[in-house]
Amino acid sequence: MAIKPLADRVVAKKDAALEQTASGILLGEAKEKQNTAIVESIGPDVKNVKKNDRILYREYAATEVKVNGEEYLIIKEEDILATL
């Protein structure tokens, strides 16, 4: 990957929108905004998250960037609410 986060930043990719419920109901376009992502890389000061963790982050905390056609999120560790 081309992005190396600094300090307490995390680089992640958004999760794909849910297409089927647990009971098997197929969904159309997801109307709710997903605030979950998969961690791609972490900065040197990050302590509570590791690569490949699935995270839940604050709604407007992520900075969206596009590198080589791929979309990434850059999030401060303090804006990560939980791991899933």
PDB file of N, CA and C in Angstrom:
ATOM      1  N   MET A   1       0.836  -1.179   0.000  1.00  0.00           N
ATOM      2  CA  MET A   1       0.000   0.000   0.000  1.00  0.00           C
ATOM      3  C   MET A   1       0.881   1.243   0.000  1.00  0.00           C
ATOM      4  N   ALA A   2       0.405   2.301  -0.612  1.00  0.00           N
ATOM      5  CA  ALA A   2       1.183   3.521  -0.780  1.00  0.00           C
ATOM      6  C   ALA A   2       1.045   4.510   0.373  1.00  0.00           C
ATOM      7  N   ILE A   3       0.067   4.338   1.259  1.00  0.00           N
ATOM      8  CA  ILE A   3      -0.161   5.301   2.335  1.00  0.00           C
ATOM      9  C   ILE A   3       0.434   4.778   3.637  1.00  0.00           C
ATOM     10  N   LYS A   4       1.309   5.581   4.251  1.00  0.00           N
ATOM     11  CA  LYS A   4       1.873   5.254   5.554  1.00  0.00           C
ATOM     12  C   LYS A   4       1.413   6.329   6.527  1.00  0.00           C
ATOM     13  N   PRO A   5       0.500   5.995   7.444  1.00  0.00           N
ATOM     14  CA  PRO A   5      -0.032   7.002   8.350  1.00  0.00           C
ATOM     15  C   PRO A   5       1.003   7.459   9.375  1.00  0.00           C
ATOM     16  N   LEU A   6       0.883   8.704   9.796  1.00  0.00           N
ATOM     17  CA  LEU A   6       1.767   9.281  10.789  1.00  0.00           C
ATOM     18  C   LEU A   6       1.106   9.269  12.163  1.00  0.00           C
ATOM     19  N   ALA A   7       1.922   9.312  13.199  1.00  0.00           N
ATOM     20  CA  ALA A   7       1.497   9.452  14.595  1.00  0.00           C
ATOM     21  C   ALA A   7       0.369   8.481  14.944  1.00  0.00           C
ATOM     22  N   ASP A   8      -0.772   9.014  15.385  1.00  0.00           N
ATOM     23  CA  ASP A   8      -1.876   8.172  15.856  1.00  0.00           C
ATOM     24  C   ASP A   8      -2.973   8.004  14.809  1.00  0.00           C
ATOM     25  N   ARG A   9      -2.606   8.003  13.551  1.00  0.00           N
ATOM     26  CA  ARG A   9      -3.568   7.853  12.463  1.00  0.00           C
ATOM     27  C   ARG A   9      -3.657   6.395  12.010  1.00  0.00           C
ATOM     28  N   VAL A  10      -4.822   6.050  11.472  1.00  0.00           N
ATOM     29  CA  VAL A  10      -5.089   4.713  10.952  1.00  0.00           C
ATOM     30  C   VAL A  10      -5.602   4.866   9.525  1.00  0.00           C
ATOM     31  N   VAL A  11      -5.123   4.041   8.613  1.00  0.00           N
ATOM     32  CA  VAL A  11      -5.639   4.005   7.247  1.00  0.00           C
ATOM     33  C   VAL A  11      -6.525   2.772   7.141  1.00  0.00           C
ATOM     34  N   ALA A  12      -7.753   2.981   6.621  1.00  0.00           N
ATOM     35  CA  ALA A  12      -8.712   1.884   6.542  1.00  0.00           C
ATOM     36  C   ALA A  12      -9.494   1.970   5.240  1.00  0.00           C
ATOM     37  N   LYS A  13     -10.156   0.864   4.893  1.00  0.00           N
ATOM     38  CA  LYS A  13     -11.062   0.813   3.744  1.00  0.00           C
ATOM     39  C   LYS A  13     -12.469   0.582   4.278  1.00  0.00           C
ATOM     40  N   LYS A  14     -13.452   1.287   3.696  1.00  0.00           N
ATOM     41  CA  LYS A  14     -14.840   1.113   4.113  1.00  0.00           C
ATOM     42  C   LYS A  14     -15.295  -0.314   3.885  1.00  0.00           C
ATOM     43  N   ASP A  15     -16.145  -0.787   4.794  1.00  0.00           N
ATOM     44  CA  ASP A  15     -16.797  -2.082   4.617  1.00  0.00           C
ATOM     45  C   ASP A  15     -17.793  -1.996   3.483  1.00  0.00           C
ATOM     46  N   ALA A  16     -18.015  -3.085   2.810  1.00  0.00           N
ATOM     47  CA  ALA A  16     -19.065  -3.135   1.784  1.00  0.00           C
ATOM     48  C   ALA A  16     -20.417  -3.041   2.473  1.00  0.00           C
ATOM     49  N   ALA A  17     -21.366  -2.396   1.841  1.00  0.00           N
ATOM     50  CA  ALA A  17     -22.705  -2.257   2.406  1.00  0.00           C
ATOM     51  C   ALA A  17     -23.360  -3.633   2.531  1.00  0.00           C
ATOM     52  N   LEU A  18     -24.121  -3.810   3.583  1.00  0.00           N
ATOM     53  CA  LEU A  18     -24.825  -5.062   3.830  1.00  0.00           C
ATOM     54  C   LEU A  18     -25.865  -5.292   2.738  1.00  0.00           C
ATOM     55  N   GLU A  19     -25.856  -6.462   2.121  1.00  0.00           N
ATOM     56  CA  GLU A  19     -26.780  -6.752   1.029  1.00  0.00           C
ATOM     57  C   GLU A  19     -27.858  -7.741   1.420  1.00  0.00           C
ATOM     58  N   GLN A  20     -27.684  -8.405   2.572  1.00  0.00           N
ATOM     59  CA  GLN A  20     -28.661  -9.386   3.011  1.00  0.00           C
ATOM     60  C   GLN A  20     -28.717  -9.354   4.534  1.00  0.00           C
ATOM     61  N   THR A  21     -29.911  -9.410   5.101  1.00  0.00           N
ATOM     62  CA  THR A  21     -30.062  -9.418   6.552  1.00  0.00           C
ATOM     63  C   THR A  21     -29.755 -10.803   7.090  1.00  0.00           C
ATOM     64  N   ALA A  22     -29.654 -10.909   8.406  1.00  0.00           N
ATOM     65  CA  ALA A  22     -29.366 -12.194   9.036  1.00  0.00           C
ATOM     66  C   ALA A  22     -30.461 -13.217   8.766  1.00  0.00           C
ATOM     67  N   SER A  23     -31.691 -12.742   8.589  1.00  0.00           N
ATOM     68  CA  SER A  23     -32.799 -13.666   8.319  1.00  0.00           C
ATOM     69  C   SER A  23     -32.946 -14.000   6.844  1.00  0.00           C
ATOM     70  N   GLY A  24     -32.075 -13.445   5.987  1.00  0.00           N
ATOM     71  CA  GLY A  24     -32.079 -13.796   4.581  1.00  0.00           C
ATOM     72  C   GLY A  24     -32.807 -12.834   3.664  1.00  0.00           C
ATOM     73  N   ILE A  25     -33.291 -11.724   4.189  1.00  0.00           N
ATOM     74  CA  ILE A  25     -33.993 -10.752   3.359  1.00  0.00           C
ATOM     75  C   ILE A  25     -32.964  -9.972   2.549  1.00  0.00           C
ATOM     76  N   LEU A  26     -33.137  -9.934   1.239  1.00  0.00           N
ATOM     77  CA  LEU A  26     -32.230  -9.191   0.374  1.00  0.00           C
ATOM     78  C   LEU A  26     -32.577  -7.705   0.406  1.00  0.00           C
ATOM     79  N   LEU A  27     -31.562  -6.882   0.510  1.00  0.00           N
ATOM     80  CA  LEU A  27     -31.758  -5.442   0.579  1.00  0.00           C
ATOM     81  C   LEU A  27     -31.392  -4.792  -0.741  1.00  0.00           C
ATOM     82  N   GLY A  28     -32.056  -3.669  -1.036  1.00  0.00           N
ATOM     83  CA  GLY A  28     -31.674  -2.855  -2.184  1.00  0.00           C
ATOM     84  C   GLY A  28     -30.461  -2.034  -1.773  1.00  0.00           C
ATOM     85  N   GLU A  29     -30.405  -0.807  -2.221  1.00  0.00           N
ATOM     86  CA  GLU A  29     -29.304   0.056  -1.808  1.00  0.00           C
ATOM     87  C   GLU A  29     -29.403   0.338  -0.326  1.00  0.00           C
ATOM     88  N   ALA A  30     -28.283   0.296   0.344  1.00  0.00           N
ATOM     89  CA  ALA A  30     -28.264   0.592   1.776  1.00  0.00           C
ATOM     90  C   ALA A  30     -28.478   2.086   1.973  1.00  0.00           C
ATOM     91  N   LYS A  31     -29.517   2.438   2.711  1.00  0.00           N
ATOM     92  CA  LYS A  31     -29.838   3.848   2.926  1.00  0.00           C
ATOM     93  C   LYS A  31     -29.029   4.435   4.074  1.00  0.00           C
ATOM     94  N   GLU A  32     -28.661   3.591   5.027  1.00  0.00           N
ATOM     95  CA  GLU A  32     -27.901   4.084   6.174  1.00  0.00           C
ATOM     96  C   GLU A  32     -26.425   4.150   5.830  1.00  0.00           C
ATOM     97  N   LYS A  33     -25.775   5.160   6.339  1.00  0.00           N
ATOM     98  CA  LYS A  33     -24.345   5.309   6.115  1.00  0.00           C
ATOM     99  C   LYS A  33     -23.591   4.335   7.015  1.00  0.00           C
ATOM    100  N   GLN A  34     -22.710   3.574   6.437  1.00  0.00           N
ATOM    101  CA  GLN A  34     -21.901   2.633   7.194  1.00  0.00           C
ATOM    102  C   GLN A  34     -20.724   3.371   7.827  1.00  0.00           C
ATOM    103  N   ASN A  35     -20.496   3.176   9.096  1.00  0.00           N
ATOM    104  CA  ASN A  35     -19.353   3.759   9.781  1.00  0.00           C
ATOM    105  C   ASN A  35     -18.407   2.661  10.251  1.00  0.00           C
ATOM    106  N   THR A  36     -18.269   1.633   9.449  1.00  0.00           N
ATOM    107  CA  THR A  36     -17.337   0.564   9.760  1.00  0.00           C
ATOM    108  C   THR A  36     -16.310   0.456   8.645  1.00  0.00           C
ATOM    109  N   ALA A  37     -15.133  -0.004   9.007  1.00  0.00           N
ATOM    110  CA  ALA A  37     -14.046  -0.134   8.035  1.00  0.00           C
ATOM    111  C   ALA A  37     -13.074  -1.211   8.497  1.00  0.00           C
ATOM    112  N   ILE A  38     -12.215  -1.642   7.583  1.00  0.00           N
ATOM    113  CA  ILE A  38     -11.156  -2.612   7.866  1.00  0.00           C
ATOM    114  C   ILE A  38      -9.824  -1.869   7.859  1.00  0.00           C
ATOM    115  N   VAL A  39      -9.039  -2.036   8.916  1.00  0.00           N
ATOM    116  CA  VAL A  39      -7.756  -1.341   9.046  1.00  0.00           C
ATOM    117  C   VAL A  39      -6.746  -1.912   8.061  1.00  0.00           C
ATOM    118  N   GLU A  40      -6.129  -1.033   7.281  1.00  0.00           N
ATOM    119  CA  GLU A  40      -5.101  -1.421   6.305  1.00  0.00           C
ATOM    120  C   GLU A  40      -3.693  -1.217   6.862  1.00  0.00           C
ATOM    121  N   SER A  41      -3.477  -0.096   7.569  1.00  0.00           N
ATOM    122  CA  SER A  41      -2.172   0.158   8.192  1.00  0.00           C
ATOM    123  C   SER A  41      -2.360   1.132   9.343  1.00  0.00           C
ATOM    124  N   ILE A  42      -1.376   1.154  10.248  1.00  0.00           N
ATOM    125  CA  ILE A  42      -1.461   2.005  11.432  1.00  0.00           C
ATOM    126  C   ILE A  42      -0.185   2.819  11.592  1.00  0.00           C
ATOM    127  N   GLY A  43      -0.325   3.979  12.231  1.00  0.00           N
ATOM    128  CA  GLY A  43       0.822   4.827  12.527  1.00  0.00           C
ATOM    129  C   GLY A  43       1.603   4.295  13.722  1.00  0.00           C
ATOM    130  N   PRO A  44       2.792   4.832  13.956  1.00  0.00           N
ATOM    131  CA  PRO A  44       3.656   4.318  15.021  1.00  0.00           C
ATOM    132  C   PRO A  44       3.134   4.548  16.440  1.00  0.00           C
ATOM    133  N   ASP A  45       2.233   5.507  16.637  1.00  0.00           N
ATOM    134  CA  ASP A  45       1.731   5.805  17.977  1.00  0.00           C
ATOM    135  C   ASP A  45       0.394   5.136  18.296  1.00  0.00           C
ATOM    136  N   VAL A  46      -0.128   4.333  17.396  1.00  0.00           N
ATOM    137  CA  VAL A  46      -1.414   3.654  17.618  1.00  0.00           C
ATOM    138  C   VAL A  46      -1.181   2.472  18.551  1.00  0.00           C
ATOM    139  N   LYS A  47      -2.029   2.381  19.593  1.00  0.00           N
ATOM    140  CA  LYS A  47      -1.828   1.339  20.596  1.00  0.00           C
ATOM    141  C   LYS A  47      -2.944   0.298  20.663  1.00  0.00           C
ATOM    142  N   ASN A  48      -4.181   0.674  20.321  1.00  0.00           N
ATOM    143  CA  ASN A  48      -5.327  -0.202  20.575  1.00  0.00           C
ATOM    144  C   ASN A  48      -5.924  -0.869  19.346  1.00  0.00           C
ATOM    145  N   VAL A  49      -5.352  -0.646  18.192  1.00  0.00           N
ATOM    146  CA  VAL A  49      -5.886  -1.198  16.950  1.00  0.00           C
ATOM    147  C   VAL A  49      -4.742  -1.834  16.175  1.00  0.00           C
ATOM    148  N   LYS A  50      -5.042  -2.928  15.462  1.00  0.00           N
ATOM    149  CA  LYS A  50      -4.011  -3.548  14.633  1.00  0.00           C
ATOM    150  C   LYS A  50      -4.544  -3.780  13.227  1.00  0.00           C
ATOM    151  N   LYS A  51      -3.658  -4.096  12.321  1.00  0.00           N
ATOM    152  CA  LYS A  51      -4.034  -4.324  10.922  1.00  0.00           C
ATOM    153  C   LYS A  51      -5.085  -5.429  10.837  1.00  0.00           C
ATOM    154  N   ASN A  52      -6.033  -5.255   9.919  1.00  0.00           N
ATOM    155  CA  ASN A  52      -7.137  -6.182   9.642  1.00  0.00           C
ATOM    156  C   ASN A  52      -8.246  -6.165  10.693  1.00  0.00           C
ATOM    157  N   ASP A  53      -8.163  -5.286  11.703  1.00  0.00           N
ATOM    158  CA  ASP A  53      -9.278  -5.130  12.643  1.00  0.00           C
ATOM    159  C   ASP A  53     -10.440  -4.470  11.913  1.00  0.00           C
ATOM    160  N   ARG A  54     -11.646  -4.861  12.263  1.00  0.00           N
ATOM    161  CA  ARG A  54     -12.850  -4.187  11.764  1.00  0.00           C
ATOM    162  C   ARG A  54     -13.224  -3.159  12.820  1.00  0.00           C
ATOM    163  N   ILE A  55     -13.344  -1.889  12.419  1.00  0.00           N
ATOM    164  CA  ILE A  55     -13.557  -0.813  13.380  1.00  0.00           C
ATOM    165  C   ILE A  55     -14.863  -0.069  13.131  1.00  0.00           C
ATOM    166  N   LEU A  56     -15.354   0.545  14.186  1.00  0.00           N
ATOM    167  CA  LEU A  56     -16.500   1.445  14.137  1.00  0.00           C
ATOM    168  C   LEU A  56     -15.959   2.825  14.488  1.00  0.00           C
ATOM    169  N   TYR A  57     -16.199   3.819  13.621  1.00  0.00           N
ATOM    170  CA  TYR A  57     -15.636   5.152  13.832  1.00  0.00           C
ATOM    171  C   TYR A  57     -16.724   6.219  13.832  1.00  0.00           C
ATOM    172  N   ARG A  58     -16.389   7.396  14.390  1.00  0.00           N
ATOM    173  CA  ARG A  58     -17.345   8.502  14.436  1.00  0.00           C
ATOM    174  C   ARG A  58     -17.756   8.911  13.031  1.00  0.00           C
ATOM    175  N   GLU A  59     -18.972   9.390  12.908  1.00  0.00           N
ATOM    176  CA  GLU A  59     -19.572   9.657  11.599  1.00  0.00           C
ATOM    177  C   GLU A  59     -18.764  10.602  10.718  1.00  0.00           C
ATOM    178  N   TYR A  60     -18.332  11.740  11.226  1.00  0.00           N
ATOM    179  CA  TYR A  60     -17.638  12.729  10.390  1.00  0.00           C
ATOM    180  C   TYR A  60     -16.142  12.812  10.697  1.00  0.00           C
ATOM    181  N   ALA A  61     -15.575  11.789  11.300  1.00  0.00           N
ATOM    182  CA  ALA A  61     -14.183  11.835  11.737  1.00  0.00           C
ATOM    183  C   ALA A  61     -13.181  11.445  10.651  1.00  0.00           C
ATOM    184  N   ALA A  62     -13.607  10.724   9.645  1.00  0.00           N
ATOM    185  CA  ALA A  62     -12.678  10.190   8.652  1.00  0.00           C
ATOM    186  C   ALA A  62     -12.433  11.176   7.512  1.00  0.00           C
ATOM    187  N   THR A  63     -11.192  11.200   7.059  1.00  0.00           N
ATOM    188  CA  THR A  63     -10.823  11.942   5.861  1.00  0.00           C
ATOM    189  C   THR A  63     -10.748  10.937   4.717  1.00  0.00           C
ATOM    190  N   GLU A  64     -11.523  11.172   3.676  1.00  0.00           N
ATOM    191  CA  GLU A  64     -11.547  10.248   2.541  1.00  0.00           C
ATOM    192  C   GLU A  64     -10.508  10.676   1.509  1.00  0.00           C
ATOM    193  N   VAL A  65      -9.675   9.724   1.071  1.00  0.00           N
ATOM    194  CA  VAL A  65      -8.667   9.992   0.049  1.00  0.00           C
ATOM    195  C   VAL A  65      -8.728   8.886  -0.998  1.00  0.00           C
ATOM    196  N   LYS A  66      -8.280   9.221  -2.201  1.00  0.00           N
ATOM    197  CA  LYS A  66      -8.238   8.254  -3.291  1.00  0.00           C
ATOM    198  C   LYS A  66      -6.792   8.186  -3.785  1.00  0.00           C
ATOM    199  N   VAL A  67      -6.197   6.996  -3.748  1.00  0.00           N
ATOM    200  CA  VAL A  67      -4.826   6.777  -4.186  1.00  0.00           C
ATOM    201  C   VAL A  67      -4.812   5.612  -5.166  1.00  0.00           C
ATOM    202  N   ASN A  68      -4.288   5.857  -6.356  1.00  0.00           N
ATOM    203  CA  ASN A  68      -4.217   4.822  -7.395  1.00  0.00           C
ATOM    204  C   ASN A  68      -5.561   4.147  -7.643  1.00  0.00           C
ATOM    205  N   GLY A  69      -6.630   4.930  -7.643  1.00  0.00           N
ATOM    206  CA  GLY A  69      -7.955   4.397  -7.909  1.00  0.00           C
ATOM    207  C   GLY A  69      -8.624   3.716  -6.729  1.00  0.00           C
ATOM    208  N   GLU A  70      -7.947   3.584  -5.604  1.00  0.00           N
ATOM    209  CA  GLU A  70      -8.499   2.954  -4.402  1.00  0.00           C
ATOM    210  C   GLU A  70      -8.923   4.038  -3.415  1.00  0.00           C
ATOM    211  N   GLU A  71     -10.069   3.847  -2.762  1.00  0.00           N
ATOM    212  CA  GLU A  71     -10.546   4.801  -1.773  1.00  0.00           C
ATOM    213  C   GLU A  71     -10.170   4.331  -0.375  1.00  0.00           C
ATOM    214  N   TYR A  72      -9.597   5.251   0.409  1.00  0.00           N
ATOM    215  CA  TYR A  72      -9.172   4.962   1.771  1.00  0.00           C
ATOM    216  C   TYR A  72      -9.736   6.003   2.722  1.00  0.00           C
ATOM    217  N   LEU A  73      -9.763   5.655   4.005  1.00  0.00           N
ATOM    218  CA  LEU A  73     -10.127   6.574   5.070  1.00  0.00           C
ATOM    219  C   LEU A  73      -8.911   6.757   5.960  1.00  0.00           C
ATOM    220  N   ILE A  74      -8.668   7.988   6.400  1.00  0.00           N
ATOM    221  CA  ILE A  74      -7.625   8.243   7.384  1.00  0.00           C
ATOM    222  C   ILE A  74      -8.341   8.742   8.633  1.00  0.00           C
ATOM    223  N   ILE A  75      -8.127   8.030   9.748  1.00  0.00           N
ATOM    224  CA  ILE A  75      -8.872   8.279  10.977  1.00  0.00           C
ATOM    225  C   ILE A  75      -7.898   8.376  12.150  1.00  0.00           C
ATOM    226  N   LYS A  76      -8.115   9.350  13.046  1.00  0.00           N
ATOM    227  CA  LYS A  76      -7.330   9.424  14.274  1.00  0.00           C
ATOM    228  C   LYS A  76      -7.773   8.296  15.193  1.00  0.00           C
ATOM    229  N   GLU A  77      -6.843   7.745  15.954  1.00  0.00           N
ATOM    230  CA  GLU A  77      -7.179   6.632  16.850  1.00  0.00           C
ATOM    231  C   GLU A  77      -8.259   7.043  17.850  1.00  0.00           C
ATOM    232  N   GLU A  78      -8.264   8.274  18.319  1.00  0.00           N
ATOM    233  CA  GLU A  78      -9.261   8.702  19.295  1.00  0.00           C
ATOM    234  C   GLU A  78     -10.677   8.753  18.708  1.00  0.00           C
ATOM    235  N   ASP A  79     -10.807   8.752  17.386  1.00  0.00           N
ATOM    236  CA  ASP A  79     -12.114   8.766  16.746  1.00  0.00           C
ATOM    237  C   ASP A  79     -12.643   7.369  16.435  1.00  0.00           C
ATOM    238  N   ILE A  80     -11.873   6.353  16.787  1.00  0.00           N
ATOM    239  CA  ILE A  80     -12.328   4.974  16.643  1.00  0.00           C
ATOM    240  C   ILE A  80     -13.075   4.607  17.920  1.00  0.00           C
ATOM    241  N   LEU A  81     -14.336   4.231  17.753  1.00  0.00           N
ATOM    242  CA  LEU A  81     -15.206   3.952  18.902  1.00  0.00           C
ATOM    243  C   LEU A  81     -15.079   2.528  19.423  1.00  0.00           C
ATOM    244  N   ALA A  82     -14.857   1.566  18.507  1.00  0.00           N
ATOM    245  CA  ALA A  82     -14.803   0.162  18.921  1.00  0.00           C
ATOM    246  C   ALA A  82     -14.224  -0.689  17.820  1.00  0.00           C
ATOM    247  N   THR A  83     -13.802  -1.889  18.185  1.00  0.00           N
ATOM    248  CA  THR A  83     -13.451  -2.911  17.194  1.00  0.00           C
ATOM    249  C   THR A  83     -14.581  -3.918  17.185  1.00  0.00           C
ATOM    250  N   LEU A  84     -14.857  -4.474  16.030  1.00  0.00           N
ATOM    251  CA  LEU A  84     -15.975  -5.422  15.890  1.00  0.00           C
ATOM    252  C   LEU A  84     -15.463  -6.807  15.549  1.00  0.00           C
TER     253      LEU A  84
END
